[in-house]
């Protein structure tokens, strides 16, 4: 029955196109390499050390492995990817219900999950070929397995560890699950040793989570050895961290994610956007309270997972993710919201409140979902727009296979033209751009009116004597270095 409630998600917002994005093209290229037994990171994207926040040299192999069969059969056709990710969203919703029903009852669990997983943001986001929703499913499965850690057998710990390992091989944030297992293992050992004063018994108390941790790390290492080279993996994301600015990043991220949660339930332009502010504020307060109450008792894997995951989010110097990075932690946020509600002495009628809130939010969602569904017939700005498709074909015919083209969306260009591509720091000076382009030996430069690039335009004007206009149409200009 629970699955049937979320089945409509399979058919909402199925698109035949994709926006410019970039990550999706890299994932598809890596999946294509896996299918054809090529080095996974050889996607045509040339990593620019001066602009590490654009994308890593290669993403972890977990998601490319998931979509590899789709890539092998359907290539760049977007609908099959949409259906696959929709299935993962449905599975995540069902898993969340199964987790929450143990604390709130089945109807409250269903109502709260509907509020989250039928949210227009998530319905819109699932049309993007991204790792976040499959990763969220892995996190939800892990959380569901370990939330009653006291009664877990050794085999279930190992299976939970393998899930954590695959999550870490899907997104680097998945390492927070392994970190939670490690912290919980140490906690069990220390608390047992303090009470029993016996090292062997202390180790025995932590044997379950330690087995899970070992299994997870082992699986993650195997994936790294099989698919990633030591200098060409997702660890290139570490270049974006600046420990000198860590306090500034934490401050900006705490404020940013609080605002994202407040306006997750409706856009600021919605007629009743005040509902979003109230619902989001209540969600934050109840979540923090529930997490705090759990830590005042005996913290377990769930508490450490939540703390470590948010710790990673807060120190990561990127403030443009929206709600995307919070999707995996939603089941735990709901879990602690329920924990707060059930901890109140006069907490009665919780199911009725949850169902009433669901009805109110669905009334809010319906017009936005209706608009979203109608928008699927419009080709959005991106590589599937007719003028871009024809331009990319022209670029293929005008450039040699070993050409390195500078473009604002290098991952997309590399995927859809088969040419190497790089980008540059957006606010760089002409001198800085010259250094970046010379270092990588860039030979072609592409401008597109739909993606204004002021820095590259200034560079090309400054270097006009050294540039030849190879091709131009009403939207594109392709230059070649003389």
Protein backbone atom coordinates (compact mmCIF):
# COMPACT_ATOMS: atom_id res chain seq x y z
CA UNK A 1 0.00 0.00 0.00
CA UNK A 2 2.77 2.44 0.92
CA UNK A 3 4.48 1.92 -2.43
CA UNK A 4 1.24 2.63 -4.31
CA UNK A 5 0.95 6.02 -2.61
CA UNK A 6 4.26 7.11 -4.13
CA UNK A 7 3.91 5.44 -7.56
CA UNK A 8 2.68 8.72 -9.19
CA UNK A 9 6.21 10.07 -8.67
CA UNK A 10 7.26 7.70 -11.45
CA UNK A 11 5.26 9.70 -14.00
CA UNK A 12 5.60 13.28 -12.76
CA UNK A 13 8.05 15.58 -14.55
CA UNK A 14 9.54 13.12 -17.04
CA UNK A 15 11.54 15.27 -19.45
CA UNK A 16 13.15 14.72 -22.84
CA UNK A 17 15.81 17.36 -22.26
CA UNK A 18 18.25 18.59 -19.63
CA UNK A 19 19.48 21.98 -18.47
CA UNK A 20 23.11 23.05 -18.85
CA UNK A 21 24.05 21.70 -15.44
CA UNK A 22 27.28 19.85 -16.05
CA UNK A 23 27.37 17.10 -13.45
CA UNK A 24 24.89 15.00 -15.42
CA UNK A 25 27.13 15.03 -18.51
CA UNK A 26 30.14 13.96 -16.47
CA UNK A 27 28.19 11.11 -14.86
CA UNK A 28 26.95 9.90 -18.25
CA UNK A 29 30.45 10.11 -19.72
CA UNK A 30 31.91 8.11 -16.82
CA UNK A 31 29.13 5.52 -17.16
CA UNK A 32 29.88 5.27 -20.88
CA UNK A 33 33.54 4.65 -20.09
CA UNK A 34 32.60 1.88 -17.67
CA UNK A 35 30.41 0.22 -20.30
CA UNK A 36 33.27 0.27 -22.83
CA UNK A 37 35.98 -0.70 -20.30
CA UNK A 38 37.81 2.61 -20.61
CA UNK A 39 39.42 4.57 -17.81
CA UNK A 40 36.46 6.12 -16.03
CA UNK A 41 37.98 9.59 -15.65
CA UNK A 42 38.81 10.07 -19.36
CA UNK A 43 35.67 12.06 -20.14
CA UNK A 44 37.18 14.89 -22.15
CA UNK A 45 36.79 17.34 -19.27
CA UNK A 46 40.13 19.01 -18.57
CA UNK A 47 40.37 19.87 -14.89
CA UNK A 48 41.54 23.41 -14.13
CA UNK A 49 43.36 23.58 -10.79
CA UNK A 50 42.57 27.30 -10.64
CA UNK A 51 38.82 26.54 -10.73
CA UNK A 52 38.38 23.37 -8.62
CA UNK A 53 34.81 24.15 -7.52
CA UNK A 54 33.45 23.63 -11.05
CA UNK A 55 33.77 19.83 -10.88
CA UNK A 56 36.28 17.22 -9.75
CA UNK A 57 38.49 15.35 -12.20
CA UNK A 58 36.11 12.43 -11.80
CA UNK A 59 33.09 11.71 -9.62
CA UNK A 60 33.00 8.60 -7.41
CA UNK A 61 32.07 5.45 -9.37
CA UNK A 62 28.90 4.50 -7.47
CA UNK A 63 26.38 6.49 -9.51
CA UNK A 64 28.03 5.90 -12.91
CA UNK A 65 27.79 2.18 -12.13
CA UNK A 66 24.08 2.56 -11.37
CA UNK A 67 23.31 4.32 -14.65
CA UNK A 68 25.77 2.32 -16.79
CA UNK A 69 23.07 -0.09 -18.11
CA UNK A 70 20.88 2.88 -19.10
CA UNK A 71 23.80 4.57 -20.82
CA UNK A 72 24.67 1.37 -22.67
CA UNK A 73 21.14 0.99 -24.06
CA UNK A 74 19.82 4.56 -24.39
CA UNK A 75 22.92 6.75 -24.63
CA UNK A 76 22.03 10.42 -24.14
CA UNK A 77 18.23 9.96 -24.21
CA UNK A 78 17.03 11.55 -20.96
CA UNK A 79 13.63 9.87 -20.16
CA UNK A 80 15.11 6.47 -19.12
CA UNK A 81 17.35 8.23 -16.60
CA UNK A 82 14.32 10.13 -15.28
CA UNK A 83 12.41 6.90 -14.74
CA UNK A 84 15.37 5.27 -12.99
CA UNK A 85 15.88 8.17 -10.59
CA UNK A 86 12.12 8.34 -9.99
CA UNK A 87 12.26 4.70 -8.86
CA UNK A 88 15.01 5.60 -6.41
CA UNK A 89 12.92 8.48 -5.09
CA UNK A 90 9.95 6.15 -4.56
CA UNK A 91 12.20 3.63 -2.79
CA UNK A 92 13.59 6.41 -0.57
CA UNK A 93 10.08 7.55 0.33
CA UNK A 94 8.97 4.01 1.21
CA UNK A 95 12.12 3.41 3.29
CA UNK A 96 11.49 6.69 5.13
CA UNK A 97 7.94 5.59 5.96
CA UNK A 98 9.23 2.27 7.33
CA UNK A 99 11.71 4.13 9.52
CA UNK A 100 9.27 6.72 10.85
CA UNK A 101 6.35 4.38 11.50
CA UNK A 102 8.25 2.82 14.40
CA UNK A 103 8.13 6.16 16.22
CA UNK A 104 5.02 7.87 14.86
CA UNK A 105 2.70 5.18 13.50
CA UNK A 106 2.01 4.35 9.87
CA UNK A 107 -0.39 7.21 9.02
CA UNK A 108 1.77 9.96 10.49
CA UNK A 109 4.80 8.45 8.77
CA UNK A 110 3.00 8.42 5.41
CA UNK A 111 1.73 11.98 5.87
CA UNK A 112 5.18 13.37 6.74
CA UNK A 113 6.80 11.51 3.84
CA UNK A 114 4.21 12.83 1.38
CA UNK A 115 4.99 16.39 2.57
CA UNK A 116 8.66 15.83 1.73
CA UNK A 117 8.72 13.61 -1.34
CA UNK A 118 5.85 15.23 -3.23
CA UNK A 119 7.40 18.64 -2.67
CA UNK A 120 7.67 20.46 -6.05
CA UNK A 121 11.39 21.01 -5.48
CA UNK A 122 12.05 17.26 -5.30
CA UNK A 123 9.68 16.47 -8.17
CA UNK A 124 11.55 19.02 -10.28
CA UNK A 125 14.97 17.91 -9.11
CA UNK A 126 14.42 14.24 -9.95
CA UNK A 127 14.48 15.09 -13.67
CA UNK A 128 18.18 15.87 -13.35
CA UNK A 129 20.65 13.04 -13.86
CA UNK A 130 22.38 13.42 -10.51
CA UNK A 131 23.65 11.09 -7.78
CA UNK A 132 21.81 12.78 -4.90
CA UNK A 133 18.57 10.77 -4.94
CA UNK A 134 20.18 7.31 -5.33
CA UNK A 135 22.61 8.39 -2.61
CA UNK A 136 19.66 9.41 -0.43
CA UNK A 137 18.20 5.94 -0.85
CA UNK A 138 21.46 4.36 0.35
CA UNK A 139 21.52 6.66 3.39
CA UNK A 140 17.88 5.85 4.18
CA UNK A 141 18.57 2.09 3.99
CA UNK A 142 21.64 2.47 6.22
CA UNK A 143 19.71 4.52 8.78
CA UNK A 144 16.82 2.03 8.78
CA UNK A 145 19.22 -0.84 9.43
CA UNK A 146 21.19 0.68 12.32
CA UNK A 147 18.59 2.71 14.21
CA UNK A 148 18.23 -0.17 16.70
CA UNK A 149 21.93 -0.94 16.93
CA UNK A 150 21.68 -2.83 20.22
CA UNK A 151 19.93 -5.80 18.59
CA UNK A 152 21.89 -5.99 15.34
CA UNK A 153 23.65 -9.24 14.48
CA UNK A 154 27.16 -9.32 13.07
CA UNK A 155 25.81 -10.06 9.59
CA UNK A 156 23.48 -7.07 9.65
CA UNK A 157 26.34 -4.83 10.79
CA UNK A 158 28.41 -6.06 7.86
CA UNK A 159 25.53 -5.45 5.44
CA UNK A 160 25.00 -1.97 6.89
CA UNK A 161 28.72 -1.35 6.47
CA UNK A 162 28.58 -2.41 2.83
CA UNK A 163 25.70 0.00 2.26
CA UNK A 164 27.78 2.75 3.88
CA UNK A 165 30.75 1.80 1.71
CA UNK A 166 28.69 2.00 -1.47
CA UNK A 167 27.27 5.33 -0.31
CA UNK A 168 30.85 6.60 0.13
CA UNK A 169 31.60 5.32 -3.39
CA UNK A 170 28.56 7.25 -4.69
CA UNK A 171 29.19 10.64 -3.08
CA UNK A 172 32.14 11.68 -0.97
CA UNK A 173 29.69 12.83 1.74
CA UNK A 174 28.91 9.12 2.19
CA UNK A 175 32.14 8.89 4.18
CA UNK A 176 30.12 10.42 7.03
CA UNK A 177 28.36 7.07 7.43
CA UNK A 178 31.69 5.30 7.83
CA UNK A 179 32.82 8.02 10.24
CA UNK A 180 29.65 7.47 12.30
CA UNK A 181 30.38 3.73 12.50
CA UNK A 182 33.93 4.48 13.62
CA UNK A 183 32.82 6.95 16.32
CA UNK A 184 30.15 4.56 17.57
CA UNK A 185 32.68 1.72 17.71
CA UNK A 186 35.05 3.85 19.80
CA UNK A 187 32.16 4.93 22.02
CA UNK A 188 31.20 1.30 22.67
CA UNK A 189 34.78 0.33 23.43
CA UNK A 190 35.41 3.24 25.78
CA UNK A 191 32.12 2.95 27.67
CA UNK A 192 32.58 -0.82 28.06
CA UNK A 193 36.17 -0.45 29.26
CA UNK A 194 35.20 2.23 31.79
CA UNK A 195 32.50 -0.01 33.26
CA UNK A 196 34.22 -3.42 32.98
CA UNK A 197 37.94 -2.55 32.97
CA UNK A 198 38.54 -5.39 30.51
CA UNK A 199 40.04 -4.64 27.11
CA UNK A 200 38.92 -7.92 25.51
CA UNK A 201 35.31 -7.40 26.55
CA UNK A 202 35.45 -3.77 25.41
CA UNK A 203 36.61 -4.88 21.97
CA UNK A 204 33.87 -7.52 21.92
CA UNK A 205 31.22 -4.88 22.62
CA UNK A 206 32.36 -2.96 19.56
CA UNK A 207 32.88 -5.99 17.31
CA UNK A 208 29.60 -5.54 15.39
CA UNK A 209 30.05 -1.93 14.25
CA UNK A 210 33.77 -2.58 13.72
CA UNK A 211 32.91 -5.40 11.30
CA UNK A 212 30.55 -3.05 9.49
CA UNK A 213 33.22 -0.34 9.36
CA UNK A 214 35.80 -2.77 7.99
CA UNK A 215 33.36 -4.02 5.33
CA UNK A 216 32.47 -0.49 4.29
CA UNK A 217 36.05 0.73 4.08
CA UNK A 218 37.02 -2.42 2.20
CA UNK A 219 34.29 -1.92 -0.40
CA UNK A 220 35.16 1.75 -0.81
CA UNK A 221 38.85 0.92 -1.31
CA UNK A 222 38.00 -1.76 -3.89
CA UNK A 223 35.95 0.74 -5.89
CA UNK A 224 38.77 3.30 -5.73
CA UNK A 225 41.35 0.76 -6.92
CA UNK A 226 39.13 -0.50 -9.73
CA UNK A 227 37.81 2.79 -11.07
CA UNK A 228 39.87 5.74 -9.89
CA UNK A 229 43.54 6.64 -10.20
CA UNK A 230 45.14 8.19 -7.16
CA UNK A 231 45.55 11.60 -8.80
CA UNK A 232 42.35 11.71 -10.84
CA UNK A 233 39.54 11.01 -8.42
CA UNK A 234 36.91 12.86 -6.51
CA UNK A 235 39.55 13.84 -3.92
CA UNK A 236 40.29 16.77 -6.23
CA UNK A 237 37.28 18.34 -4.51
CA UNK A 238 39.57 18.83 -1.48
CA UNK A 239 41.20 21.65 -3.43
CA UNK A 240 38.07 23.72 -2.80
CA UNK A 241 38.63 23.69 0.97
CA UNK A 242 40.40 26.63 2.56
CA UNK A 243 41.01 26.11 6.25
CA UNK A 244 41.81 29.79 6.69
CA UNK A 245 38.20 30.62 5.75
CA UNK A 246 36.53 27.72 7.54
CA UNK A 247 34.75 29.90 10.12
CA UNK A 248 33.33 32.08 7.36
CA UNK A 249 32.13 28.98 5.48
CA UNK A 250 30.46 27.57 8.60
CA UNK A 251 28.68 30.86 9.29
CA UNK A 252 27.47 31.24 5.70
CA UNK A 253 26.36 27.61 5.47
CA UNK A 254 24.41 27.60 8.73
CA UNK A 255 22.50 30.67 7.64
CA UNK A 256 22.10 29.40 4.07
CA UNK A 257 20.76 25.97 4.95
CA UNK A 258 18.38 27.46 7.53
CA UNK A 259 16.92 29.64 4.78
CA UNK A 260 16.78 26.73 2.35
CA UNK A 261 14.78 24.65 4.84
CA UNK A 262 12.41 27.54 5.54
CA UNK A 263 11.57 27.95 1.87
CA UNK A 264 11.68 24.31 0.86
CA UNK A 265 7.91 23.95 1.16
CA UNK A 266 7.01 26.77 -1.24
CA UNK A 267 8.79 29.40 -3.28
CA UNK A 268 8.92 32.94 -1.96
CA UNK A 269 6.72 34.00 -4.88
CA UNK A 270 3.90 31.60 -3.94
CA UNK A 271 0.64 33.24 -2.79
CA UNK A 272 0.97 31.75 0.67
CA UNK A 273 4.75 31.67 1.02
CA UNK A 274 4.36 32.49 4.69
CA UNK A 275 3.31 28.85 5.15
CA UNK A 276 6.79 27.82 4.01
CA UNK A 277 8.48 30.12 6.50
CA UNK A 278 6.39 28.78 9.40
CA UNK A 279 6.71 25.12 8.40
CA UNK A 280 10.45 25.44 7.74
CA UNK A 281 11.10 27.26 11.02
CA UNK A 282 9.13 24.63 12.94
CA UNK A 283 11.09 21.89 11.17
CA UNK A 284 14.43 23.44 12.20
CA UNK A 285 13.42 23.95 15.84
CA UNK A 286 11.91 20.49 16.30
CA UNK A 287 14.84 18.82 14.53
CA UNK A 288 17.53 20.53 16.62
CA UNK A 289 15.56 19.86 19.81
CA UNK A 290 15.12 16.17 18.97
CA UNK A 291 18.80 15.74 18.13
CA UNK A 292 19.82 17.47 21.35
CA UNK A 293 17.47 15.27 23.41
CA UNK A 294 18.94 12.16 21.79
CA UNK A 295 22.48 13.25 22.64
CA UNK A 296 21.53 13.87 26.27
CA UNK A 297 20.64 10.19 26.38
CA UNK A 298 23.04 7.65 24.86
CA UNK A 299 24.01 8.70 21.32
CA UNK A 300 24.01 5.98 18.69
CA UNK A 301 24.90 5.61 15.03
CA UNK A 302 21.98 7.83 13.93
CA UNK A 303 23.09 10.72 16.13
CA UNK A 304 26.70 10.49 14.98
CA UNK A 305 25.64 10.19 11.33
CA UNK A 306 23.55 13.34 11.64
CA UNK A 307 26.27 15.28 13.43
CA UNK A 308 29.07 14.26 11.06
CA UNK A 309 26.97 14.83 7.93
CA UNK A 310 25.96 18.34 8.98
CA UNK A 311 29.55 19.00 10.04
CA UNK A 312 30.69 18.20 6.49
CA UNK A 313 27.95 20.42 5.01
CA UNK A 314 28.87 23.33 7.24
CA UNK A 315 32.60 23.34 6.46
CA UNK A 316 32.17 22.71 2.72
CA UNK A 317 32.75 26.09 1.02
CA UNK A 318 29.84 25.97 -1.41
CA UNK A 319 26.62 27.88 -0.86
CA UNK A 320 24.67 27.25 -4.08
CA UNK A 321 23.42 23.70 -3.58
CA UNK A 322 19.94 24.66 -2.36
CA UNK A 323 18.11 21.77 -0.73
CA UNK A 324 20.04 19.20 -2.80
CA UNK A 325 22.63 18.35 -0.15
CA UNK A 326 19.92 18.05 2.52
CA UNK A 327 17.87 15.40 0.70
CA UNK A 328 19.90 12.46 2.11
CA UNK A 329 19.47 13.65 5.69
CA UNK A 330 15.70 14.28 5.44
CA UNK A 331 14.69 10.89 6.96
CA UNK A 332 16.84 11.64 10.01
CA UNK A 333 15.49 15.18 10.29
CA UNK A 334 11.95 13.80 10.31
CA UNK A 335 13.02 11.14 12.81
CA UNK A 336 14.21 13.76 15.31
CA UNK A 337 11.20 15.98 14.67
CA UNK A 338 9.02 13.05 15.72
CA UNK A 339 11.32 12.42 18.68
CA UNK A 340 10.70 15.97 19.87
CA UNK A 341 6.94 15.64 19.43
CA UNK A 342 6.75 12.33 21.29
CA UNK A 343 8.92 13.73 24.11
CA UNK A 344 6.37 16.44 24.92
CA UNK A 345 4.22 15.45 27.89
CA UNK A 346 1.02 16.57 26.24
CA UNK A 347 1.85 15.34 22.71
CA UNK A 348 -1.52 13.93 21.66
CA UNK A 349 -3.21 13.81 18.34
CA UNK A 350 0.11 13.73 16.52
CA UNK A 351 -1.31 11.67 13.66
CA UNK A 352 -4.19 14.09 13.12
CA UNK A 353 -1.77 17.04 13.11
CA UNK A 354 0.51 15.29 10.60
CA UNK A 355 -2.39 14.42 8.29
CA UNK A 356 -3.86 17.93 8.54
CA UNK A 357 -0.45 19.45 7.75
CA UNK A 358 -0.11 17.09 4.79
CA UNK A 359 -3.48 18.21 3.38
CA UNK A 360 -2.57 21.88 3.78
CA UNK A 361 0.81 21.39 2.11
CA UNK A 362 -0.66 19.36 -0.76
CA UNK A 363 -3.09 22.20 -1.44
CA UNK A 364 -0.02 24.44 -1.59
CA UNK A 365 1.86 21.99 -3.84
CA UNK A 366 -0.85 21.22 -6.39
CA UNK A 367 -0.69 24.36 -8.58
CA UNK A 368 3.12 24.21 -8.64
CA UNK A 369 3.13 20.52 -9.59
CA UNK A 370 0.57 21.23 -12.29
CA UNK A 371 2.75 23.98 -13.76
CA UNK A 372 5.79 21.73 -13.53
CA UNK A 373 4.04 18.93 -15.40
CA UNK A 374 3.01 21.28 -18.21
CA UNK A 375 6.56 22.63 -18.49
CA UNK A 376 7.86 19.24 -19.62
CA UNK A 377 6.70 20.06 -23.15
CA UNK A 378 9.07 23.03 -23.34
CA UNK A 379 12.71 22.45 -24.21
CA UNK A 380 14.72 24.32 -21.60
CA UNK A 381 17.98 26.17 -22.18
CA UNK A 382 20.66 23.51 -22.49
CA UNK A 383 22.33 20.97 -24.80
CA UNK A 384 18.99 19.64 -26.14
CA UNK A 385 17.87 22.99 -27.52
CA UNK A 386 17.83 22.87 -31.34
CA UNK A 387 20.31 25.72 -31.88
CA UNK A 388 22.76 24.13 -29.44
CA UNK A 389 22.41 20.67 -30.99
CA UNK A 390 23.20 22.03 -34.46
CA UNK A 391 26.07 24.16 -33.12
CA UNK A 392 27.69 21.19 -31.41
CA UNK A 393 27.50 19.22 -34.66
CA UNK A 394 29.17 22.11 -36.46
CA UNK A 395 31.91 22.27 -33.85
CA UNK A 396 32.56 18.54 -34.29
CA UNK A 397 33.06 19.02 -38.02
CA UNK A 398 35.29 22.10 -37.66
CA UNK A 399 37.67 20.94 -34.94
CA UNK A 400 40.16 18.05 -34.76
CA UNK A 401 39.53 15.23 -32.29
CA UNK A 402 42.39 16.38 -30.04
CA UNK A 403 41.15 19.98 -29.85
CA UNK A 404 40.90 21.61 -26.41
CA UNK A 405 37.98 24.05 -26.36
CA UNK A 406 37.43 26.66 -23.67
CA UNK A 407 33.73 26.94 -22.83
CA UNK A 408 31.63 27.96 -19.86
CA UNK A 409 30.09 24.46 -19.63
CA UNK A 410 33.05 22.18 -20.37
CA UNK A 411 31.55 18.95 -19.05
CA UNK A 412 28.54 19.31 -21.36
CA UNK A 413 30.62 20.29 -24.38
CA UNK A 414 32.96 17.33 -23.86
CA UNK A 415 30.06 14.88 -23.63
CA UNK A 416 28.11 16.13 -26.64
CA UNK A 417 30.97 16.94 -29.04
CA UNK A 418 33.62 14.37 -28.14
CA UNK A 419 36.17 17.19 -27.78
CA UNK A 420 38.26 18.06 -24.77
CA UNK A 421 37.01 21.09 -22.91
CA UNK A 422 37.96 23.27 -19.95
CA UNK A 423 36.71 26.38 -18.23
CA UNK A 424 38.27 29.21 -16.27
CA UNK A 425 37.75 31.12 -13.06
CA UNK A 426 34.75 33.40 -13.72
CA UNK A 427 36.29 36.62 -12.40
CA UNK A 428 39.84 36.11 -13.70
CA UNK A 429 41.85 38.89 -15.30
CA UNK A 430 43.22 38.65 -18.83
CA UNK A 431 46.66 37.80 -17.44
CA UNK A 432 45.28 35.05 -15.23
CA UNK A 433 43.29 33.59 -18.12
CA UNK A 434 46.40 33.64 -20.29
CA UNK A 435 48.27 31.62 -17.66
CA UNK A 436 45.43 29.08 -17.30
CA UNK A 437 45.01 28.60 -21.06
CA UNK A 438 48.76 28.35 -21.73
CA UNK A 439 49.17 25.78 -18.99
CA UNK A 440 46.55 23.51 -20.58
CA UNK A 441 47.46 24.46 -24.17
CA UNK A 442 43.92 25.52 -25.08
CA UNK A 443 43.51 26.11 -28.81
CA UNK A 444 39.80 26.93 -29.32
CA UNK A 445 37.45 29.31 -27.52
CA UNK A 446 33.65 29.16 -27.67
CA UNK A 447 31.17 31.91 -26.77
CA UNK A 448 27.41 31.41 -26.53
CA UNK A 449 24.92 34.22 -26.09
CA UNK A 450 22.75 32.05 -23.84
CA UNK A 451 25.66 31.69 -21.40
CA UNK A 452 27.32 35.11 -21.09
CA UNK A 453 31.04 34.86 -20.26
CA UNK A 454 32.39 38.36 -19.65
CA UNK A 455 35.87 37.22 -18.64
CA UNK A 456 36.39 35.15 -21.81
CA UNK A 457 34.94 37.92 -23.98
CA UNK A 458 37.43 40.41 -22.52
CA UNK A 459 40.26 37.96 -23.06
CA UNK A 460 39.35 37.40 -26.72
CA UNK A 461 39.11 41.16 -27.33
CA UNK A 462 42.51 41.67 -25.72
CA UNK A 463 44.02 38.85 -27.78
CA UNK A 464 42.19 39.65 -31.03
CA UNK A 465 45.44 39.79 -33.03
CA UNK A 466 46.24 36.24 -31.98
CA UNK A 467 42.75 34.85 -32.66
CA UNK A 468 40.95 33.73 -35.81
CA UNK A 469 37.15 33.57 -36.02
CA UNK A 470 36.52 30.03 -37.24
CA UNK A 471 32.73 30.02 -37.23
CA UNK A 472 29.84 32.23 -36.21
CA UNK A 473 26.05 32.06 -36.18
CA UNK A 474 23.36 34.07 -34.42
CA UNK A 475 24.20 32.50 -31.03
CA UNK A 476 27.74 31.07 -31.14
CA UNK A 477 31.25 32.28 -31.93
CA UNK A 478 34.16 29.84 -32.24
CA UNK A 479 37.69 31.22 -32.17
CA UNK A 480 41.01 29.48 -32.80
CA UNK A 481 44.39 30.52 -31.49
CA UNK A 482 46.68 31.43 -34.40
